[in-house]
N, C-alpha and C. Protein backbone atom coordinates (compact mmCIF):
# COMPACT_ATOMS: atom_id res chain seq x y z
N MET A 1 0.79 -1.26 -0.23
CA MET A 1 -0.09 -0.07 -0.26
C MET A 1 0.81 1.37 -0.13
N ALA A 2 0.50 1.94 -1.04
CA ALA A 2 1.24 3.49 -0.92
C ALA A 2 1.17 4.28 0.15
N GLN A 3 2.48 4.94 0.52
CA GLN A 3 2.18 5.71 1.96
C GLN A 3 1.99 7.24 1.44
N ARG A 4 1.06 7.70 2.52
CA ARG A 4 0.67 9.01 2.38
C ARG A 4 1.67 9.80 2.36
N ARG A 5 1.71 11.05 1.36
CA ARG A 5 2.86 11.84 1.52
C ARG A 5 2.74 12.73 2.52
N PRO A 6 3.63 13.22 2.83
CA PRO A 6 3.33 14.25 3.74
C PRO A 6 3.35 15.66 3.23
N PRO A 7 2.35 16.38 4.01
CA PRO A 7 2.02 18.02 3.36
C PRO A 7 3.48 18.78 3.24
N LEU A 8 3.43 19.43 2.07
CA LEU A 8 4.82 20.19 1.73
C LEU A 8 4.46 21.48 2.96
N PHE A 9 3.77 22.01 3.16
CA PHE A 9 3.82 23.30 4.32
C PHE A 9 3.12 22.92 5.63
N GLN A 10 3.86 23.65 6.50
CA GLN A 10 3.27 23.64 7.90
C GLN A 10 1.92 24.27 7.98
N ALA A 11 1.10 23.47 8.69
CA ALA A 11 -0.30 24.18 8.71
C ALA A 11 -0.39 25.41 9.52
N HIS A 12 -1.18 26.19 8.84
CA HIS A 12 -1.48 27.70 9.48
C HIS A 12 -1.95 27.27 11.04
N PRO A 13 -1.46 27.78 12.08
CA PRO A 13 -2.40 27.59 13.42
C PRO A 13 -3.61 27.86 13.51
N TRP A 14 -4.09 28.90 12.70
CA TRP A 14 -5.36 29.22 13.16
C TRP A 14 -6.54 28.77 12.20
N HIS A 15 -6.36 28.59 11.13
CA HIS A 15 -7.07 27.73 10.13
C HIS A 15 -6.92 26.48 9.95
N GLY A 16 -5.57 26.29 9.91
CA GLY A 16 -5.21 24.84 9.52
C GLY A 16 -5.23 23.82 10.74
N ILE A 17 -5.42 24.00 11.84
CA ILE A 17 -5.23 22.88 12.87
C ILE A 17 -6.83 22.86 13.49
N SER A 18 -7.38 21.68 14.11
CA SER A 18 -8.53 21.67 14.50
C SER A 18 -8.64 21.77 15.85
N PRO A 19 -9.48 22.53 16.56
CA PRO A 19 -9.80 22.70 17.83
C PRO A 19 -9.92 21.54 18.61
N GLY A 20 -10.00 20.14 18.01
CA GLY A 20 -10.09 18.84 18.87
C GLY A 20 -11.20 18.34 19.03
N PRO A 21 -11.21 16.96 18.62
CA PRO A 21 -12.18 16.22 18.41
C PRO A 21 -13.47 16.64 19.52
N ASN A 22 -12.98 16.88 20.69
CA ASN A 22 -13.92 17.03 21.98
C ASN A 22 -14.23 18.37 22.36
N ALA A 23 -14.01 19.51 21.27
CA ALA A 23 -14.54 20.66 21.67
C ALA A 23 -15.61 20.66 21.81
N PRO A 24 -16.04 21.58 23.12
CA PRO A 24 -15.32 22.70 23.68
C PRO A 24 -14.80 22.05 24.90
N ASP A 25 -15.38 20.87 25.56
CA ASP A 25 -15.24 20.50 26.54
C ASP A 25 -13.26 20.02 27.10
N GLU A 26 -12.76 19.91 25.75
CA GLU A 26 -11.40 19.71 25.82
C GLU A 26 -11.13 20.42 24.19
N VAL A 27 -9.73 21.58 24.32
CA VAL A 27 -9.60 21.83 23.04
C VAL A 27 -8.14 21.75 22.79
N THR A 28 -7.83 22.12 21.62
CA THR A 28 -6.22 21.92 21.32
C THR A 28 -6.08 23.54 21.31
N ALA A 29 -5.13 24.11 21.82
CA ALA A 29 -4.51 25.44 22.10
C ALA A 29 -3.08 25.67 21.47
N TYR A 30 -3.19 26.61 20.79
CA TYR A 30 -1.70 27.14 20.38
C TYR A 30 -1.06 28.33 20.90
N ILE A 31 -0.32 27.83 21.55
CA ILE A 31 0.52 28.87 22.78
C ILE A 31 1.66 29.99 21.69
N GLU A 32 1.31 31.33 22.20
CA GLU A 32 1.70 32.27 21.58
C GLU A 32 3.01 32.60 22.42
N ILE A 33 2.71 32.87 23.65
CA ILE A 33 4.03 33.64 24.68
C ILE A 33 3.78 32.44 26.00
N VAL A 34 4.71 32.48 26.88
CA VAL A 34 4.99 31.76 27.85
C VAL A 34 4.76 32.67 29.13
N SER A 35 5.07 31.96 30.39
CA SER A 35 4.76 33.08 31.42
C SER A 35 6.16 33.76 31.63
N SER A 36 7.41 33.22 31.39
CA SER A 36 8.73 33.95 31.35
C SER A 36 8.90 35.07 30.69
N GLU A 37 7.99 35.08 29.63
CA GLU A 37 8.33 35.69 28.52
C GLU A 37 8.33 37.75 28.71
N SER A 38 9.35 38.20 28.18
CA SER A 38 9.27 39.68 28.27
C SER A 38 9.15 40.49 26.86
N VAL A 39 8.77 39.77 25.99
CA VAL A 39 8.12 40.15 24.95
C VAL A 39 6.97 39.71 24.27
N LYS A 40 6.03 40.25 23.74
CA LYS A 40 4.86 39.91 23.45
C LYS A 40 4.74 39.59 22.11
N TYR A 41 4.55 38.42 21.86
CA TYR A 41 4.56 37.60 20.60
C TYR A 41 2.78 37.53 20.10
N GLU A 42 2.50 37.38 18.96
CA GLU A 42 1.29 37.13 18.69
C GLU A 42 1.16 36.64 16.93
N LEU A 43 0.36 35.99 17.02
CA LEU A 43 0.34 35.26 15.28
C LEU A 43 0.48 36.30 14.30
N HIS A 44 0.73 36.20 13.30
CA HIS A 44 1.22 36.88 11.97
C HIS A 44 -0.07 36.16 11.21
N LYS A 45 -1.23 36.80 11.18
CA LYS A 45 -2.45 36.22 10.76
C LYS A 45 -2.60 35.41 9.21
N GLU A 46 -1.61 36.57 8.52
CA GLU A 46 -1.35 36.17 6.94
C GLU A 46 -0.42 35.11 6.56
N SER A 47 0.27 34.94 7.48
CA SER A 47 1.69 33.64 7.31
C SER A 47 1.37 32.34 8.03
N GLY A 48 1.16 32.80 9.18
CA GLY A 48 0.55 31.84 10.29
C GLY A 48 2.08 31.73 11.37
N HIS A 49 3.12 32.58 10.98
CA HIS A 49 4.07 32.95 11.86
C HIS A 49 4.07 33.31 13.03
N LEU A 50 4.69 33.31 14.32
CA LEU A 50 4.67 34.52 15.69
C LEU A 50 5.49 35.69 14.84
N ARG A 51 5.21 36.47 15.63
CA ARG A 51 5.68 37.71 15.22
C ARG A 51 5.80 38.70 16.51
N VAL A 52 6.79 39.55 16.70
CA VAL A 52 6.99 40.40 17.65
C VAL A 52 5.74 41.52 17.67
N ASP A 53 4.86 41.39 18.61
CA ASP A 53 3.79 42.21 18.89
C ASP A 53 4.79 43.74 19.41
N ARG A 54 5.19 43.34 20.78
CA ARG A 54 5.56 44.57 21.21
C ARG A 54 6.62 44.15 22.49
N PRO A 55 7.76 44.70 22.79
CA PRO A 55 8.46 44.22 24.18
C PRO A 55 7.57 44.83 25.10
N GLN A 56 7.58 44.06 26.23
CA GLN A 56 6.83 44.52 27.73
C GLN A 56 7.56 45.75 28.03
N ARG A 57 7.02 47.09 27.85
CA ARG A 57 7.71 47.90 28.55
C ARG A 57 7.78 48.16 29.80
N LEU A 58 6.82 47.43 30.66
CA LEU A 58 6.88 47.42 32.06
C LEU A 58 6.94 46.03 32.77
N SER A 59 6.47 45.99 34.13
CA SER A 59 6.94 44.57 34.69
C SER A 59 5.61 43.66 34.80
N SER A 60 4.63 43.87 33.94
CA SER A 60 3.60 42.81 33.77
C SER A 60 3.85 41.82 32.75
N ILE A 61 3.99 41.01 33.38
CA ILE A 61 4.03 39.45 32.31
C ILE A 61 2.91 38.67 32.86
N CYS A 62 2.29 38.05 31.59
CA CYS A 62 1.35 36.95 31.78
C CYS A 62 1.75 35.75 32.65
N PRO A 63 0.68 35.28 33.87
CA PRO A 63 1.48 34.58 34.51
C PRO A 63 1.04 33.09 34.17
N THR A 64 0.29 32.76 33.02
CA THR A 64 0.36 31.33 32.27
C THR A 64 0.83 31.45 31.07
N LEU A 65 0.70 30.00 30.34
CA LEU A 65 0.62 30.46 29.22
C LEU A 65 -0.50 30.93 28.21
N TYR A 66 -0.25 31.31 27.03
CA TYR A 66 -1.31 32.30 26.58
C TYR A 66 -1.76 31.74 24.97
N GLY A 67 -2.40 32.00 24.71
CA GLY A 67 -2.52 31.95 23.25
C GLY A 67 -3.78 31.48 22.71
N PHE A 68 -4.36 30.97 21.59
CA PHE A 68 -5.76 30.93 21.03
C PHE A 68 -6.14 29.68 20.82
N VAL A 69 -7.43 29.34 20.73
CA VAL A 69 -8.09 28.38 20.14
C VAL A 69 -8.43 28.17 18.68
N PRO A 70 -7.52 27.09 17.90
CA PRO A 70 -7.59 27.33 16.31
C PRO A 70 -9.39 27.49 15.74
N ARG A 71 -9.66 27.86 14.56
CA ARG A 71 -10.87 27.70 14.21
C ARG A 71 -12.00 28.34 14.92
N THR A 72 -11.43 29.34 15.73
CA THR A 72 -12.56 30.15 16.56
C THR A 72 -12.27 31.76 16.07
N LEU A 73 -13.23 32.47 16.46
CA LEU A 73 -13.52 33.83 15.79
C LEU A 73 -14.17 34.58 16.49
N CYS A 74 -13.81 35.82 17.58
CA CYS A 74 -14.55 36.61 18.10
C CYS A 74 -15.38 37.43 17.28
N ASP A 75 -16.76 37.56 16.89
CA ASP A 75 -17.43 37.96 16.09
C ASP A 75 -19.16 38.39 16.55
N ARG A 76 -19.65 37.92 15.84
CA ARG A 76 -21.32 38.24 16.06
C ARG A 76 -21.87 37.49 17.27
N ASP A 77 -21.70 36.45 17.35
CA ASP A 77 -22.28 35.31 18.42
C ASP A 77 -21.47 35.82 19.69
N VAL A 78 -20.28 36.06 19.53
CA VAL A 78 -19.74 35.92 20.74
C VAL A 78 -20.08 37.44 21.34
N ALA A 79 -19.96 38.64 20.31
CA ALA A 79 -20.58 40.05 20.95
C ALA A 79 -21.89 39.80 21.25
N ARG A 80 -22.92 39.00 20.67
CA ARG A 80 -24.06 38.85 21.31
C ARG A 80 -24.45 38.49 22.47
N PHE A 81 -23.66 37.40 22.80
CA PHE A 81 -23.53 36.21 24.18
C PHE A 81 -23.25 37.47 25.22
N THR A 82 -21.92 38.46 24.67
CA THR A 82 -21.53 39.28 25.75
C THR A 82 -22.67 40.29 26.16
N GLU A 83 -23.38 40.89 25.08
CA GLU A 83 -24.30 41.98 25.47
C GLU A 83 -25.52 41.30 26.51
N GLU A 84 -25.78 39.94 26.20
CA GLU A 84 -26.38 39.43 27.03
C GLU A 84 -26.13 39.20 28.31
N CYS A 85 -25.17 38.74 28.28
CA CYS A 85 -24.50 38.80 29.85
C CYS A 85 -24.23 39.85 30.70
N VAL A 86 -23.84 41.13 29.98
CA VAL A 86 -23.71 42.22 30.81
C VAL A 86 -24.78 43.30 30.66
N GLY A 87 -25.72 42.78 29.90
CA GLY A 87 -26.99 43.93 29.79
C GLY A 87 -26.49 45.22 28.75
N ARG A 88 -25.82 45.25 28.21
CA ARG A 88 -25.43 46.45 27.06
C ARG A 88 -25.54 46.22 25.74
N THR A 89 -25.51 47.12 24.93
CA THR A 89 -25.88 47.17 23.47
C THR A 89 -24.50 47.79 22.91
N GLY A 90 -24.48 47.64 21.48
CA GLY A 90 -23.04 48.05 21.22
C GLY A 90 -21.72 47.41 21.07
N ILE A 91 -21.81 46.53 21.83
CA ILE A 91 -20.55 45.42 22.05
C ILE A 91 -20.41 44.60 20.46
N VAL A 92 -19.04 44.66 20.00
CA VAL A 92 -18.73 44.15 18.60
C VAL A 92 -17.73 43.03 19.37
N GLY A 93 -17.34 41.93 18.10
CA GLY A 93 -16.15 40.90 18.62
C GLY A 93 -15.00 41.66 18.33
N ASP A 94 -13.87 40.95 18.85
CA ASP A 94 -12.46 42.04 18.34
C ASP A 94 -11.90 41.41 17.13
N GLY A 95 -12.47 40.48 16.44
CA GLY A 95 -12.14 39.77 15.26
C GLY A 95 -10.84 38.69 15.38
N ASP A 96 -10.61 38.47 16.23
CA ASP A 96 -9.19 37.70 16.91
C ASP A 96 -9.89 36.37 16.89
N PRO A 97 -9.16 35.13 17.06
CA PRO A 97 -9.44 34.10 17.58
C PRO A 97 -9.68 33.88 19.19
N MET A 98 -10.19 32.90 19.57
CA MET A 98 -10.48 32.92 21.00
C MET A 98 -9.47 32.62 21.66
N ASP A 99 -9.10 33.71 22.94
CA ASP A 99 -7.80 33.64 23.44
C ASP A 99 -7.74 32.75 24.89
N ILE A 100 -6.83 32.57 25.22
CA ILE A 100 -6.98 31.25 26.12
C ILE A 100 -5.69 31.13 27.00
N CYS A 101 -5.74 31.14 28.21
CA CYS A 101 -4.72 31.03 29.10
C CYS A 101 -4.82 29.45 29.63
N VAL A 102 -3.73 28.93 29.65
CA VAL A 102 -3.30 27.80 29.87
C VAL A 102 -2.29 27.33 31.03
N VAL A 103 -2.95 27.03 32.60
CA VAL A 103 -2.28 26.87 33.54
C VAL A 103 -1.62 25.54 33.77
N THR A 104 -0.14 25.69 33.90
CA THR A 104 0.59 24.49 33.94
C THR A 104 1.40 24.69 35.40
N GLU A 105 1.96 23.80 35.85
CA GLU A 105 3.18 23.78 36.80
C GLU A 105 4.51 23.74 35.96
N LYS A 106 4.62 23.75 34.72
CA LYS A 106 5.70 23.43 34.07
C LYS A 106 6.14 25.00 33.35
N ALA A 107 7.53 24.73 33.45
CA ALA A 107 8.26 25.96 33.04
C ALA A 107 8.85 25.83 31.49
N ILE A 108 7.99 26.17 30.83
CA ILE A 108 8.39 26.28 29.12
C ILE A 108 9.15 27.45 28.65
N ALA A 109 10.19 27.09 27.59
CA ALA A 109 10.95 27.73 27.46
C ALA A 109 10.41 29.24 26.31
N HIS A 110 9.78 28.80 25.52
CA HIS A 110 9.23 29.46 24.33
C HIS A 110 7.89 29.04 23.79
N GLY A 111 7.18 30.11 22.84
CA GLY A 111 6.04 29.73 22.64
C GLY A 111 6.30 29.39 20.76
N GLY A 112 4.72 28.63 20.59
CA GLY A 112 4.71 28.20 19.01
C GLY A 112 4.40 26.84 19.47
N PHE A 113 3.65 26.34 20.11
CA PHE A 113 3.73 24.68 19.95
C PHE A 113 1.76 24.75 20.44
N LEU A 114 1.63 23.81 20.27
CA LEU A 114 0.29 22.68 20.70
C LEU A 114 0.25 22.29 21.81
N VAL A 115 -0.79 22.68 22.79
CA VAL A 115 -1.18 21.72 23.80
C VAL A 115 -2.47 21.16 23.79
N ARG A 116 -2.98 20.44 24.66
CA ARG A 116 -4.25 20.05 25.38
C ARG A 116 -4.64 20.41 26.29
N ALA A 117 -5.89 21.27 26.36
CA ALA A 117 -6.08 22.22 27.47
C ALA A 117 -7.84 21.92 27.62
N ARG A 118 -8.03 21.88 29.18
CA ARG A 118 -9.27 21.85 29.49
C ARG A 118 -10.18 22.91 30.09
N PRO A 119 -10.90 23.75 29.47
CA PRO A 119 -11.46 25.04 29.84
C PRO A 119 -11.90 24.65 31.41
N ILE A 120 -11.63 25.56 32.36
CA ILE A 120 -12.36 25.66 33.31
C ILE A 120 -13.24 26.77 33.97
N GLY A 121 -13.08 28.10 33.19
CA GLY A 121 -13.69 29.25 33.38
C GLY A 121 -13.18 30.25 32.54
N GLY A 122 -13.28 31.70 33.02
CA GLY A 122 -12.86 32.68 32.26
C GLY A 122 -13.21 33.94 32.62
N LEU A 123 -12.53 35.03 31.94
CA LEU A 123 -12.92 36.62 32.22
C LEU A 123 -13.56 37.22 30.99
N ARG A 124 -14.76 37.49 31.17
CA ARG A 124 -15.44 38.38 30.27
C ARG A 124 -14.97 39.96 30.32
N LEU A 125 -13.89 40.17 29.21
CA LEU A 125 -13.25 41.22 29.29
C LEU A 125 -13.57 42.09 27.90
N LEU A 126 -14.13 43.59 28.35
CA LEU A 126 -14.45 44.57 27.35
C LEU A 126 -13.18 45.46 27.13
N ASP A 127 -12.41 45.40 25.88
CA ASP A 127 -11.80 46.58 25.62
C ASP A 127 -12.10 47.82 24.76
N ARG A 128 -12.60 48.52 25.43
CA ARG A 128 -13.48 49.42 24.93
C ARG A 128 -15.08 49.01 24.64
N ASN A 129 -15.41 48.87 23.43
CA ASN A 129 -16.76 48.30 23.25
C ASN A 129 -16.40 46.92 22.60
N GLU A 130 -15.48 46.34 22.38
CA GLU A 130 -14.99 45.05 21.89
C GLU A 130 -14.94 43.84 23.03
N ALA A 131 -15.57 42.91 22.61
CA ALA A 131 -15.42 41.72 23.40
C ALA A 131 -14.14 40.99 23.35
N ASP A 132 -13.48 40.61 24.28
CA ASP A 132 -12.29 40.14 24.21
C ASP A 132 -11.76 39.20 25.26
N ASP A 133 -12.96 38.00 25.57
CA ASP A 133 -12.91 37.11 26.45
C ASP A 133 -11.55 36.13 26.75
N LYS A 134 -10.93 36.00 27.78
CA LYS A 134 -10.05 35.30 28.13
C LYS A 134 -10.17 33.60 28.96
N VAL A 135 -10.72 32.72 27.79
CA VAL A 135 -10.71 31.75 28.60
C VAL A 135 -9.90 31.19 29.34
N ILE A 136 -9.84 30.59 30.68
CA ILE A 136 -8.76 29.81 31.52
C ILE A 136 -8.99 28.50 31.70
N ALA A 137 -7.91 27.80 31.32
CA ALA A 137 -7.86 26.28 30.97
C ALA A 137 -6.75 25.66 31.70
N VAL A 138 -6.87 24.36 32.01
CA VAL A 138 -5.59 23.80 32.63
C VAL A 138 -5.14 22.64 31.80
N LEU A 139 -3.89 22.68 31.39
CA LEU A 139 -3.08 21.70 30.84
C LEU A 139 -3.54 20.53 31.20
N VAL A 140 -3.94 19.30 29.95
CA VAL A 140 -4.57 18.08 30.27
C VAL A 140 -3.38 16.99 31.16
N GLU A 141 -3.55 16.59 31.93
CA GLU A 141 -2.59 15.60 32.77
C GLU A 141 -1.24 16.28 33.31
N ASP A 142 -1.58 17.66 33.49
CA ASP A 142 -0.75 18.62 34.58
C ASP A 142 -0.56 17.74 36.09
N VAL A 143 0.31 17.73 36.46
CA VAL A 143 0.57 16.87 37.76
C VAL A 143 -0.41 17.70 38.83
N THR A 144 -0.04 19.24 38.64
CA THR A 144 -0.67 20.07 39.98
C THR A 144 -2.08 20.61 39.59
N TYR A 145 -2.46 20.96 38.07
CA TYR A 145 -3.47 21.56 38.05
C TYR A 145 -4.36 20.60 37.47
N GLY A 146 -4.07 19.30 36.58
CA GLY A 146 -4.97 18.95 35.55
C GLY A 146 -5.83 18.44 36.01
N GLU A 147 -6.00 18.04 37.30
CA GLU A 147 -7.54 17.68 38.02
C GLU A 147 -8.73 18.77 38.00
N ALA A 148 -8.35 20.17 37.73
CA ALA A 148 -9.12 21.18 38.34
C ALA A 148 -10.16 21.05 37.05
N THR A 149 -11.64 20.94 37.55
CA THR A 149 -12.40 21.20 36.61
C THR A 149 -13.15 22.54 36.44
N GLU A 150 -13.12 23.57 37.57
CA GLU A 150 -13.90 24.71 37.67
C GLU A 150 -12.95 25.48 38.10
N LEU A 151 -13.18 26.90 38.04
CA LEU A 151 -12.13 27.85 38.45
C LEU A 151 -11.71 28.24 39.73
N GLU A 152 -12.63 27.99 40.67
CA GLU A 152 -12.73 27.77 41.91
C GLU A 152 -11.56 26.84 42.40
N HIS A 153 -11.28 26.27 41.49
CA HIS A 153 -10.21 25.01 41.97
C HIS A 153 -8.58 25.63 42.12
N LEU A 154 -8.78 26.64 41.33
CA LEU A 154 -7.10 27.46 41.26
C LEU A 154 -7.01 28.14 42.54
N PRO A 155 -5.79 28.62 42.82
CA PRO A 155 -5.61 29.26 43.82
C PRO A 155 -6.32 30.60 43.68
N LYS A 156 -7.11 31.35 44.74
CA LYS A 156 -7.08 32.45 44.30
C LYS A 156 -6.47 33.62 43.84
N ALA A 157 -4.97 33.50 44.29
CA ALA A 157 -4.19 34.24 43.95
C ALA A 157 -3.52 34.13 42.72
N LEU A 158 -3.72 32.87 42.04
CA LEU A 158 -3.39 32.86 40.58
C LEU A 158 -4.37 33.49 39.79
N VAL A 159 -5.59 33.31 40.06
CA VAL A 159 -6.69 33.96 39.37
C VAL A 159 -6.55 35.55 39.54
N ASP A 160 -6.18 35.92 40.64
CA ASP A 160 -6.24 37.56 40.65
C ASP A 160 -4.83 38.17 40.16
N ARG A 161 -3.87 37.19 39.91
CA ARG A 161 -2.74 37.75 39.12
C ARG A 161 -3.22 37.82 37.32
N ILE A 162 -3.69 36.86 36.95
CA ILE A 162 -4.64 36.66 35.67
C ILE A 162 -5.21 38.07 35.23
N ARG A 163 -5.92 38.10 36.41
CA ARG A 163 -7.12 39.12 36.38
C ARG A 163 -6.32 40.53 36.35
N HIS A 164 -5.20 40.66 37.13
CA HIS A 164 -4.43 41.89 36.99
C HIS A 164 -3.63 42.24 36.08
N TYR A 165 -3.25 41.04 35.28
CA TYR A 165 -2.54 41.06 34.19
C TYR A 165 -3.36 41.69 32.89
N PHE A 166 -4.64 41.36 32.76
CA PHE A 166 -5.26 41.78 31.55
C PHE A 166 -5.84 43.30 31.92
N LEU A 167 -5.82 43.51 32.94
CA LEU A 167 -6.43 45.01 33.25
C LEU A 167 -5.45 45.84 33.12
N THR A 168 -4.07 45.64 33.18
CA THR A 168 -2.99 46.60 32.99
C THR A 168 -1.78 46.45 31.75
N TYR A 169 -1.79 45.19 31.26
CA TYR A 169 -0.59 45.15 30.25
C TYR A 169 -0.64 45.65 29.19
N LYS A 170 -1.95 46.51 29.07
CA LYS A 170 -1.90 47.81 27.70
C LYS A 170 -1.79 48.97 28.37
N GLN A 171 -1.72 49.15 29.36
CA GLN A 171 -1.74 50.35 29.89
C GLN A 171 -0.03 51.16 29.85
N ILE A 172 0.28 52.37 29.39
CA ILE A 172 1.42 53.12 29.40
C ILE A 172 1.06 54.26 30.05
N PRO A 173 1.76 54.56 31.24
CA PRO A 173 1.72 55.65 32.06
C PRO A 173 1.22 57.22 31.22
N GLU A 174 2.28 57.41 30.36
CA GLU A 174 1.96 58.91 29.46
C GLU A 174 1.13 58.85 28.39
N GLU A 175 0.10 57.88 28.33
CA GLU A 175 -0.73 57.86 27.52
C GLU A 175 -1.95 57.69 28.46
N GLY A 176 -2.22 57.47 29.70
CA GLY A 176 -3.35 57.65 30.41
C GLY A 176 -3.74 56.19 30.42
N PRO A 177 -4.95 55.90 31.10
CA PRO A 177 -5.64 54.70 31.33
C PRO A 177 -6.39 54.22 29.85
N ARG A 178 -6.28 52.89 29.67
CA ARG A 178 -6.63 52.18 28.48
C ARG A 178 -7.81 51.90 29.34
N LYS A 179 -9.05 51.81 28.70
CA LYS A 179 -10.35 51.35 29.12
C LYS A 179 -10.79 49.94 28.63
N VAL A 180 -9.81 49.23 29.72
CA VAL A 180 -10.33 47.79 29.82
C VAL A 180 -10.73 47.33 30.87
N GLU A 181 -11.69 46.30 30.92
CA GLU A 181 -12.60 46.15 31.94
C GLU A 181 -13.04 44.86 31.94
N ILE A 182 -13.20 43.98 33.03
CA ILE A 182 -13.78 42.80 33.51
C ILE A 182 -14.83 42.84 33.77
N CYS A 183 -15.73 42.30 33.14
CA CYS A 183 -17.50 42.57 33.39
C CYS A 183 -17.62 41.55 34.33
N ASP A 184 -17.11 40.18 34.05
CA ASP A 184 -17.39 39.30 34.93
C ASP A 184 -16.48 38.37 35.05
N VAL A 185 -16.42 37.20 36.18
CA VAL A 185 -15.40 36.18 36.04
C VAL A 185 -16.31 34.96 36.20
N TYR A 186 -16.34 34.03 35.29
CA TYR A 186 -17.26 32.78 35.15
C TYR A 186 -16.55 31.41 35.21
N GLY A 187 -17.10 30.59 35.53
CA GLY A 187 -16.94 29.00 35.75
C GLY A 187 -16.94 28.35 34.13
N ARG A 188 -16.76 26.79 34.27
CA ARG A 188 -16.51 26.16 33.54
C ARG A 188 -18.06 26.29 31.93
N GLU A 189 -18.81 26.55 32.77
CA GLU A 189 -20.14 26.14 31.91
C GLU A 189 -19.82 27.68 30.78
N GLY A 190 -19.58 28.90 31.62
CA GLY A 190 -19.41 29.97 30.95
C GLY A 190 -18.31 29.83 29.77
N ALA A 191 -17.18 29.34 30.33
CA ALA A 191 -16.35 28.84 29.10
C ALA A 191 -16.69 28.36 28.00
N LEU A 192 -17.33 27.11 28.25
CA LEU A 192 -17.86 26.55 27.54
C LEU A 192 -18.70 27.09 26.07
N ASP A 193 -19.72 28.09 26.85
CA ASP A 193 -20.58 28.92 26.13
C ASP A 193 -19.87 29.27 25.24
N VAL A 194 -18.84 30.29 25.73
CA VAL A 194 -18.25 31.24 24.87
C VAL A 194 -17.52 30.51 23.82
N ILE A 195 -16.88 29.59 24.11
CA ILE A 195 -16.10 28.68 23.03
C ILE A 195 -17.19 28.48 21.85
N ARG A 196 -18.35 27.82 22.04
CA ARG A 196 -19.33 27.35 21.18
C ARG A 196 -19.46 28.72 20.33
N ALA A 197 -19.80 29.62 20.77
CA ALA A 197 -20.06 30.71 20.18
C ALA A 197 -19.00 31.21 19.09
N SER A 198 -17.85 31.30 19.86
CA SER A 198 -16.65 31.67 18.75
C SER A 198 -16.51 30.61 17.61
N LEU A 199 -16.81 29.41 17.99
CA LEU A 199 -16.52 28.13 16.84
C LEU A 199 -17.69 28.63 15.65
N ALA A 200 -18.90 29.09 16.16
CA ALA A 200 -19.88 29.07 15.23
C ALA A 200 -19.68 30.29 14.36
N ASP A 201 -19.06 31.57 15.35
CA ASP A 201 -18.72 32.55 14.27
C ASP A 201 -17.49 32.38 13.26
N TYR A 202 -16.67 31.31 13.73
CA TYR A 202 -15.70 31.09 12.37
C TYR A 202 -16.27 30.28 11.69
N GLN A 203 -17.19 29.30 11.73
CA GLN A 203 -18.10 28.72 10.58
C GLN A 203 -18.73 29.55 9.87
N ARG A 204 -19.35 30.73 10.28
CA ARG A 204 -20.03 31.59 9.48
C ARG A 204 -19.07 32.66 8.65
N GLU A 205 -18.50 33.18 9.40
CA GLU A 205 -17.40 34.31 8.98
C GLU A 205 -16.23 33.98 8.20
N ILE A 206 -15.71 32.72 8.92
CA ILE A 206 -14.72 32.95 7.72
C ILE A 206 -14.74 31.61 6.82
N LEU A 207 -15.56 30.49 7.04
CA LEU A 207 -15.81 29.36 6.08
C LEU A 207 -17.25 29.68 5.32
N GLY A 208 -18.08 30.65 5.80
CA GLY A 208 -19.17 31.16 4.84
C GLY A 208 -20.01 29.76 4.95
N LYS A 209 -20.22 28.94 6.35
CA LYS A 209 -21.37 28.04 6.43
C LYS A 209 -21.99 28.64 7.27
N LYS A 210 -23.15 27.85 7.26
CA LYS A 210 -24.19 27.66 8.53
C LYS A 210 -23.62 27.06 10.15
N PRO A 211 -23.66 27.82 11.09
CA PRO A 211 -22.87 26.92 12.25
C PRO A 211 -23.80 25.72 12.46
N ARG A 212 -22.85 24.72 13.25
CA ARG A 212 -23.40 23.42 13.21
C ARG A 212 -24.12 23.61 14.15
N ARG A 213 -24.35 24.07 15.16
CA ARG A 213 -25.37 24.13 16.24
C ARG A 213 -25.24 25.75 16.93
N THR A 214 -26.43 25.93 17.51
CA THR A 214 -26.70 27.23 18.21
C THR A 214 -26.03 27.49 19.39
N PRO A 215 -24.79 28.49 19.60
CA PRO A 215 -24.27 28.27 20.98
C PRO A 215 -25.32 28.69 22.19
N ALA A 216 -25.37 28.14 23.36
CA ALA A 216 -26.08 28.44 24.32
C ALA A 216 -26.04 29.71 24.89
N ARG A 217 -27.36 29.81 25.67
CA ARG A 217 -27.36 31.09 26.17
C ARG A 217 -27.42 30.76 27.51
N ARG A 218 -26.51 31.44 28.37
CA ARG A 218 -26.62 31.50 29.88
C ARG A 218 -26.08 32.82 30.31
N ARG A 219 -26.69 33.07 31.48
CA ARG A 219 -26.53 34.35 32.28
C ARG A 219 -25.84 33.85 33.13
């Protein structure tokens, strides 16, 4: 039997990799930056390579692995879900894949890799009027955190650190405060809902398909 020829090019991390067969309960996450990183990297959307977004000018460093869930998008469904949850109108999606923080005990040197992660909660973050949720997950089979199934299973100090990072990481003193707010901190069910919404947005806006299932609506 003829062997299957390997692909000539590496799959695009956003579009070419599955979010996982069990998404949203367990997802594949592409990690852009690690917790020791003093430079903020992000995906170059056109090429699929990591690029330097900016050096971290201040002392704020993300306390977890940080990246996104492939084949997700923060667009109409995510924005509508956020409006329903916070009781506001005029919110839009930020047009990026769904961000995810992956908690692990391991020290990893650099980004640009895939992990299996179990969502356990998240932060409903608004950057001005843009929905910019940060799903919080644990690395599957992590010795210290791998058994966690709800956000409350993590140390409160760690969750506080994650919240503080996202409230302050874009602030430059001479430019004044940036209007970033965390409207809600939710558990596992909230995380699954927002991932479902982002999967539906990707299906519709990127692939031009009718979403396979309607995202759940929970307050």
